[in-house]
């Protein structure tokens, strides 16, 4: 909504925003990224700028997810106990990240 308000979208002045179900809200927030959690007054901070820069470059985001997947697979195969558990978490997170990037790319081409 913030982007719509400040984005100068004058083509649709009567745009409506409907509430979503809880799981749909979680999904849309994950797809939107770190920008959803950053206050408007802090969008020029390094973490917010880094997240925005990566979001503009989907190939970099997917490369980071694949690096995370590789690290997770290495930890899962080479360590025991907590290291293996951490590796499994990295693999699962990387798969979720790739799914989010694919969704972002598809939405970008539709819009």
N, C-alpha and C. Protein backbone atom coordinates (compact mmCIF):
# COMPACT_ATOMS: atom_id res chain seq x y z
N UNK A 1 0.82 -1.18 0.00
CA UNK A 1 0.00 0.00 0.00
C UNK A 1 0.87 1.24 0.00
N UNK A 2 1.99 1.17 0.72
CA UNK A 2 2.86 2.34 0.78
C UNK A 2 3.41 2.67 -0.59
N UNK A 3 3.86 1.64 -1.31
CA UNK A 3 4.37 1.87 -2.66
C UNK A 3 3.30 2.44 -3.57
N UNK A 4 2.07 1.98 -3.41
CA UNK A 4 0.97 2.50 -4.23
C UNK A 4 0.68 3.96 -3.88
N UNK A 5 0.78 4.30 -2.60
CA UNK A 5 0.48 5.68 -2.18
C UNK A 5 1.56 6.66 -2.64
N UNK A 6 2.83 6.25 -2.53
CA UNK A 6 3.92 7.16 -2.87
C UNK A 6 4.46 6.93 -4.28
N UNK A 7 3.95 5.92 -4.97
CA UNK A 7 4.47 5.59 -6.28
C UNK A 7 3.93 6.45 -7.40
N UNK A 8 2.99 7.31 -7.12
CA UNK A 8 2.44 8.19 -8.14
C UNK A 8 1.58 7.45 -9.13
N UNK A 9 0.83 6.47 -8.67
CA UNK A 9 -0.03 5.71 -9.55
C UNK A 9 -1.35 6.46 -9.73
N UNK A 10 -1.34 7.39 -10.64
CA UNK A 10 -2.54 8.20 -10.85
C UNK A 10 -3.51 7.53 -11.81
N UNK A 11 -3.07 6.46 -12.47
CA UNK A 11 -3.96 5.79 -13.42
C UNK A 11 -5.12 5.10 -12.72
N UNK A 12 -4.94 4.72 -11.46
CA UNK A 12 -5.99 4.02 -10.72
C UNK A 12 -6.26 4.73 -9.40
N UNK A 13 -6.95 5.87 -9.43
CA UNK A 13 -7.14 6.64 -8.21
C UNK A 13 -8.09 5.97 -7.21
N UNK A 14 -9.00 5.12 -7.67
CA UNK A 14 -9.97 4.49 -6.78
C UNK A 14 -9.58 3.06 -6.45
N UNK A 15 -8.30 2.78 -6.39
CA UNK A 15 -7.82 1.43 -6.12
C UNK A 15 -8.20 1.01 -4.70
N UNK A 16 -8.68 -0.24 -4.57
CA UNK A 16 -9.10 -0.75 -3.26
C UNK A 16 -8.13 -1.83 -2.82
N UNK A 17 -7.90 -1.90 -1.53
CA UNK A 17 -7.06 -2.92 -0.94
C UNK A 17 -7.93 -3.76 -0.01
N UNK A 18 -8.09 -5.01 -0.36
CA UNK A 18 -8.93 -5.90 0.42
C UNK A 18 -8.11 -6.68 1.44
N UNK A 19 -8.69 -6.98 2.60
CA UNK A 19 -7.95 -7.77 3.59
C UNK A 19 -7.74 -9.20 3.11
N UNK A 20 -6.65 -9.80 3.57
CA UNK A 20 -6.32 -11.17 3.21
C UNK A 20 -6.47 -12.09 4.41
N UNK A 21 -6.58 -13.37 4.14
CA UNK A 21 -6.57 -14.36 5.21
C UNK A 21 -5.17 -14.40 5.82
N UNK A 22 -5.02 -14.90 7.06
CA UNK A 22 -3.72 -14.89 7.73
C UNK A 22 -2.60 -15.54 6.92
N UNK A 23 -2.84 -16.72 6.34
CA UNK A 23 -1.77 -17.40 5.60
C UNK A 23 -1.46 -16.66 4.31
N UNK A 24 -2.44 -16.06 3.71
CA UNK A 24 -2.18 -15.26 2.50
C UNK A 24 -1.35 -14.03 2.85
N UNK A 25 -1.59 -13.44 4.01
CA UNK A 25 -0.81 -12.30 4.46
C UNK A 25 0.64 -12.70 4.68
N UNK A 26 0.86 -13.84 5.31
CA UNK A 26 2.23 -14.33 5.54
C UNK A 26 2.93 -14.57 4.21
N UNK A 27 2.23 -15.20 3.27
CA UNK A 27 2.80 -15.49 1.95
C UNK A 27 3.17 -14.20 1.22
N UNK A 28 2.26 -13.24 1.20
CA UNK A 28 2.52 -11.99 0.49
C UNK A 28 3.64 -11.19 1.16
N UNK A 29 3.73 -11.24 2.48
CA UNK A 29 4.80 -10.55 3.19
C UNK A 29 6.15 -11.19 2.87
N UNK A 30 6.20 -12.51 2.80
CA UNK A 30 7.45 -13.20 2.45
C UNK A 30 7.87 -12.87 1.03
N UNK A 31 6.92 -12.77 0.13
CA UNK A 31 7.24 -12.45 -1.26
C UNK A 31 7.70 -11.00 -1.38
N UNK A 32 7.12 -10.11 -0.59
CA UNK A 32 7.49 -8.70 -0.64
C UNK A 32 8.89 -8.46 -0.09
N UNK A 33 9.31 -9.22 0.91
CA UNK A 33 10.67 -9.12 1.41
C UNK A 33 10.84 -8.18 2.58
N UNK A 34 12.11 -7.84 2.83
CA UNK A 34 12.50 -7.03 3.98
C UNK A 34 11.86 -5.65 3.95
N UNK A 35 11.55 -5.15 2.78
CA UNK A 35 10.94 -3.83 2.67
C UNK A 35 9.63 -3.70 3.41
N UNK A 36 8.92 -4.80 3.58
CA UNK A 36 7.66 -4.77 4.31
C UNK A 36 7.87 -4.51 5.81
N UNK A 37 9.02 -4.88 6.31
CA UNK A 37 9.28 -4.73 7.75
C UNK A 37 10.06 -3.47 8.08
N UNK A 38 10.53 -2.77 7.08
CA UNK A 38 11.36 -1.60 7.29
C UNK A 38 10.48 -0.36 7.40
N UNK A 39 10.72 0.42 8.45
CA UNK A 39 9.97 1.66 8.62
C UNK A 39 10.32 2.63 7.50
N UNK A 40 9.38 3.48 7.14
CA UNK A 40 9.61 4.44 6.06
C UNK A 40 10.80 5.34 6.34
N UNK A 41 11.02 5.67 7.60
CA UNK A 41 12.13 6.55 7.95
C UNK A 41 13.48 5.84 7.92
N UNK A 42 13.48 4.52 7.80
CA UNK A 42 14.74 3.76 7.81
C UNK A 42 15.02 3.04 6.50
N UNK A 43 14.35 3.42 5.46
CA UNK A 43 14.56 2.74 4.18
C UNK A 43 15.88 3.09 3.52
N UNK A 44 16.58 4.08 4.05
CA UNK A 44 17.88 4.42 3.50
C UNK A 44 19.02 3.76 4.27
N UNK A 45 18.71 2.91 5.23
CA UNK A 45 19.73 2.20 6.00
C UNK A 45 20.36 1.10 5.15
N UNK A 46 21.58 0.67 5.51
CA UNK A 46 22.29 -0.32 4.69
C UNK A 46 21.54 -1.64 4.47
N UNK A 47 20.92 -2.20 5.50
CA UNK A 47 20.22 -3.48 5.33
C UNK A 47 19.04 -3.33 4.38
N UNK A 48 18.30 -2.26 4.52
CA UNK A 48 17.15 -2.03 3.64
C UNK A 48 17.61 -1.79 2.21
N UNK A 49 18.70 -1.03 2.03
CA UNK A 49 19.22 -0.79 0.68
C UNK A 49 19.75 -2.07 0.06
N UNK A 50 20.41 -2.91 0.87
CA UNK A 50 20.92 -4.18 0.36
C UNK A 50 19.77 -5.08 -0.08
N UNK A 51 18.72 -5.18 0.73
CA UNK A 51 17.56 -5.98 0.37
C UNK A 51 16.90 -5.48 -0.90
N UNK A 52 16.81 -4.16 -1.04
CA UNK A 52 16.21 -3.57 -2.24
C UNK A 52 17.08 -3.84 -3.47
N UNK A 53 18.40 -3.74 -3.31
CA UNK A 53 19.31 -3.99 -4.43
C UNK A 53 19.22 -5.44 -4.89
N UNK A 54 19.16 -6.36 -3.96
CA UNK A 54 19.05 -7.78 -4.32
C UNK A 54 17.70 -8.06 -4.96
N UNK A 55 16.67 -7.42 -4.47
CA UNK A 55 15.34 -7.65 -5.03
C UNK A 55 15.24 -7.17 -6.47
N UNK A 56 15.97 -6.11 -6.80
CA UNK A 56 15.97 -5.62 -8.19
C UNK A 56 16.74 -6.54 -9.12
N UNK A 57 17.58 -7.42 -8.56
CA UNK A 57 18.39 -8.34 -9.35
C UNK A 57 18.07 -9.78 -8.97
N UNK A 58 17.04 -10.36 -9.57
CA UNK A 58 16.62 -11.71 -9.19
C UNK A 58 17.70 -12.77 -9.38
N UNK A 59 18.58 -12.58 -10.36
CA UNK A 59 19.63 -13.57 -10.59
C UNK A 59 20.56 -13.63 -9.37
N UNK A 60 20.85 -12.50 -8.77
CA UNK A 60 21.69 -12.47 -7.57
C UNK A 60 20.98 -13.17 -6.41
N UNK A 61 19.70 -12.93 -6.28
CA UNK A 61 18.93 -13.59 -5.22
C UNK A 61 18.90 -15.10 -5.37
N UNK A 62 18.70 -15.56 -6.60
CA UNK A 62 18.69 -17.00 -6.83
C UNK A 62 20.09 -17.58 -6.61
N UNK A 63 21.13 -16.85 -7.00
CA UNK A 63 22.50 -17.32 -6.77
C UNK A 63 22.78 -17.45 -5.27
N UNK A 64 22.32 -16.49 -4.49
CA UNK A 64 22.49 -16.59 -3.03
C UNK A 64 21.74 -17.78 -2.46
N UNK A 65 20.54 -18.02 -2.97
CA UNK A 65 19.76 -19.18 -2.50
C UNK A 65 20.45 -20.48 -2.87
N UNK A 66 21.03 -20.56 -4.06
CA UNK A 66 21.75 -21.77 -4.46
C UNK A 66 23.02 -21.97 -3.65
N UNK A 67 23.70 -20.86 -3.30
CA UNK A 67 24.87 -20.96 -2.42
C UNK A 67 24.46 -21.46 -1.04
N UNK A 68 23.33 -20.98 -0.56
CA UNK A 68 22.81 -21.44 0.73
C UNK A 68 22.44 -22.92 0.66
N UNK A 69 21.86 -23.34 -0.44
CA UNK A 69 21.52 -24.75 -0.64
C UNK A 69 22.78 -25.61 -0.63
N UNK A 70 23.81 -25.16 -1.33
CA UNK A 70 25.07 -25.90 -1.39
C UNK A 70 25.71 -26.00 -0.02
N UNK A 71 25.72 -24.91 0.72
CA UNK A 71 26.28 -24.94 2.07
C UNK A 71 25.48 -25.88 2.97
N UNK A 72 24.17 -25.86 2.83
CA UNK A 72 23.33 -26.76 3.62
C UNK A 72 23.57 -28.21 3.29
N UNK A 73 23.72 -28.52 2.01
CA UNK A 73 24.00 -29.90 1.61
C UNK A 73 25.36 -30.35 2.13
N UNK A 74 26.35 -29.45 2.09
CA UNK A 74 27.67 -29.79 2.59
C UNK A 74 27.61 -30.06 4.09
N UNK A 75 26.95 -29.18 4.83
CA UNK A 75 26.83 -29.39 6.28
C UNK A 75 26.07 -30.67 6.61
N UNK A 76 25.05 -30.96 5.85
CA UNK A 76 24.25 -32.16 6.10
C UNK A 76 25.06 -33.42 5.87
N UNK A 77 25.93 -33.40 4.89
CA UNK A 77 26.68 -34.62 4.56
C UNK A 77 27.97 -34.75 5.36
N UNK A 78 28.53 -33.67 5.90
CA UNK A 78 29.84 -33.71 6.54
C UNK A 78 29.82 -33.62 8.06
N UNK A 79 28.72 -33.24 8.64
CA UNK A 79 28.70 -33.02 10.08
C UNK A 79 27.69 -33.94 10.76
N UNK A 80 27.67 -33.86 12.08
CA UNK A 80 26.73 -34.64 12.88
C UNK A 80 25.98 -33.72 13.83
N UNK A 81 24.88 -34.21 14.35
CA UNK A 81 24.13 -33.50 15.40
C UNK A 81 23.62 -32.14 14.96
N UNK A 82 24.06 -31.11 15.72
CA UNK A 82 23.58 -29.75 15.47
C UNK A 82 23.97 -29.22 14.11
N UNK A 83 25.17 -29.59 13.64
CA UNK A 83 25.60 -29.14 12.32
C UNK A 83 24.72 -29.70 11.22
N UNK A 84 24.36 -30.96 11.36
CA UNK A 84 23.48 -31.58 10.37
C UNK A 84 22.09 -30.94 10.40
N UNK A 85 21.59 -30.67 11.60
CA UNK A 85 20.28 -30.01 11.73
C UNK A 85 20.31 -28.63 11.10
N UNK A 86 21.39 -27.89 11.33
CA UNK A 86 21.53 -26.57 10.74
C UNK A 86 21.60 -26.67 9.22
N UNK A 87 22.28 -27.70 8.71
CA UNK A 87 22.34 -27.92 7.27
C UNK A 87 20.98 -28.18 6.67
N UNK A 88 20.17 -28.98 7.35
CA UNK A 88 18.81 -29.25 6.88
C UNK A 88 17.99 -27.97 6.85
N UNK A 89 18.14 -27.14 7.88
CA UNK A 89 17.42 -25.86 7.90
C UNK A 89 17.86 -24.96 6.74
N UNK A 90 19.16 -24.95 6.45
CA UNK A 90 19.64 -24.16 5.32
C UNK A 90 19.06 -24.65 4.00
N UNK A 91 18.99 -25.96 3.82
CA UNK A 91 18.43 -26.52 2.59
C UNK A 91 16.96 -26.14 2.45
N UNK A 92 16.20 -26.29 3.51
CA UNK A 92 14.77 -25.96 3.47
C UNK A 92 14.58 -24.47 3.18
N UNK A 93 15.36 -23.62 3.85
CA UNK A 93 15.26 -22.19 3.63
C UNK A 93 15.63 -21.83 2.19
N UNK A 94 16.65 -22.47 1.66
CA UNK A 94 17.06 -22.19 0.28
C UNK A 94 15.95 -22.57 -0.71
N UNK A 95 15.30 -23.69 -0.48
CA UNK A 95 14.21 -24.10 -1.36
C UNK A 95 13.04 -23.11 -1.30
N UNK A 96 12.75 -22.63 -0.09
CA UNK A 96 11.69 -21.62 0.06
C UNK A 96 12.09 -20.33 -0.65
N UNK A 97 13.36 -19.94 -0.50
CA UNK A 97 13.84 -18.72 -1.17
C UNK A 97 13.72 -18.82 -2.68
N UNK A 98 14.08 -19.97 -3.24
CA UNK A 98 13.96 -20.15 -4.69
C UNK A 98 12.50 -20.05 -5.12
N UNK A 99 11.60 -20.64 -4.35
CA UNK A 99 10.17 -20.54 -4.68
C UNK A 99 9.70 -19.09 -4.64
N UNK A 100 10.17 -18.33 -3.67
CA UNK A 100 9.81 -16.91 -3.57
C UNK A 100 10.37 -16.14 -4.76
N UNK A 101 11.61 -16.41 -5.14
CA UNK A 101 12.20 -15.71 -6.29
C UNK A 101 11.46 -16.03 -7.58
N UNK A 102 11.08 -17.29 -7.75
CA UNK A 102 10.32 -17.66 -8.95
C UNK A 102 8.99 -16.91 -8.99
N UNK A 103 8.33 -16.81 -7.83
CA UNK A 103 7.06 -16.07 -7.76
C UNK A 103 7.28 -14.60 -8.07
N UNK A 104 8.35 -14.01 -7.54
CA UNK A 104 8.63 -12.60 -7.83
C UNK A 104 8.89 -12.37 -9.31
N UNK A 105 9.65 -13.28 -9.92
CA UNK A 105 9.95 -13.14 -11.35
C UNK A 105 8.67 -13.25 -12.17
N UNK A 106 7.82 -14.21 -11.84
CA UNK A 106 6.57 -14.37 -12.59
C UNK A 106 5.67 -13.16 -12.43
N UNK A 107 5.58 -12.62 -11.22
CA UNK A 107 4.72 -11.45 -11.00
C UNK A 107 5.28 -10.23 -11.71
N UNK A 108 6.59 -10.15 -11.78
CA UNK A 108 7.22 -9.01 -12.46
C UNK A 108 6.94 -9.01 -13.95
N UNK A 109 6.85 -10.18 -14.55
CA UNK A 109 6.59 -10.28 -15.97
C UNK A 109 5.12 -10.07 -16.30
N UNK A 110 4.24 -10.36 -15.34
CA UNK A 110 2.82 -10.17 -15.57
C UNK A 110 2.42 -8.71 -15.46
N UNK A 111 3.08 -7.98 -14.54
CA UNK A 111 2.68 -6.61 -14.25
C UNK A 111 3.20 -5.60 -15.16
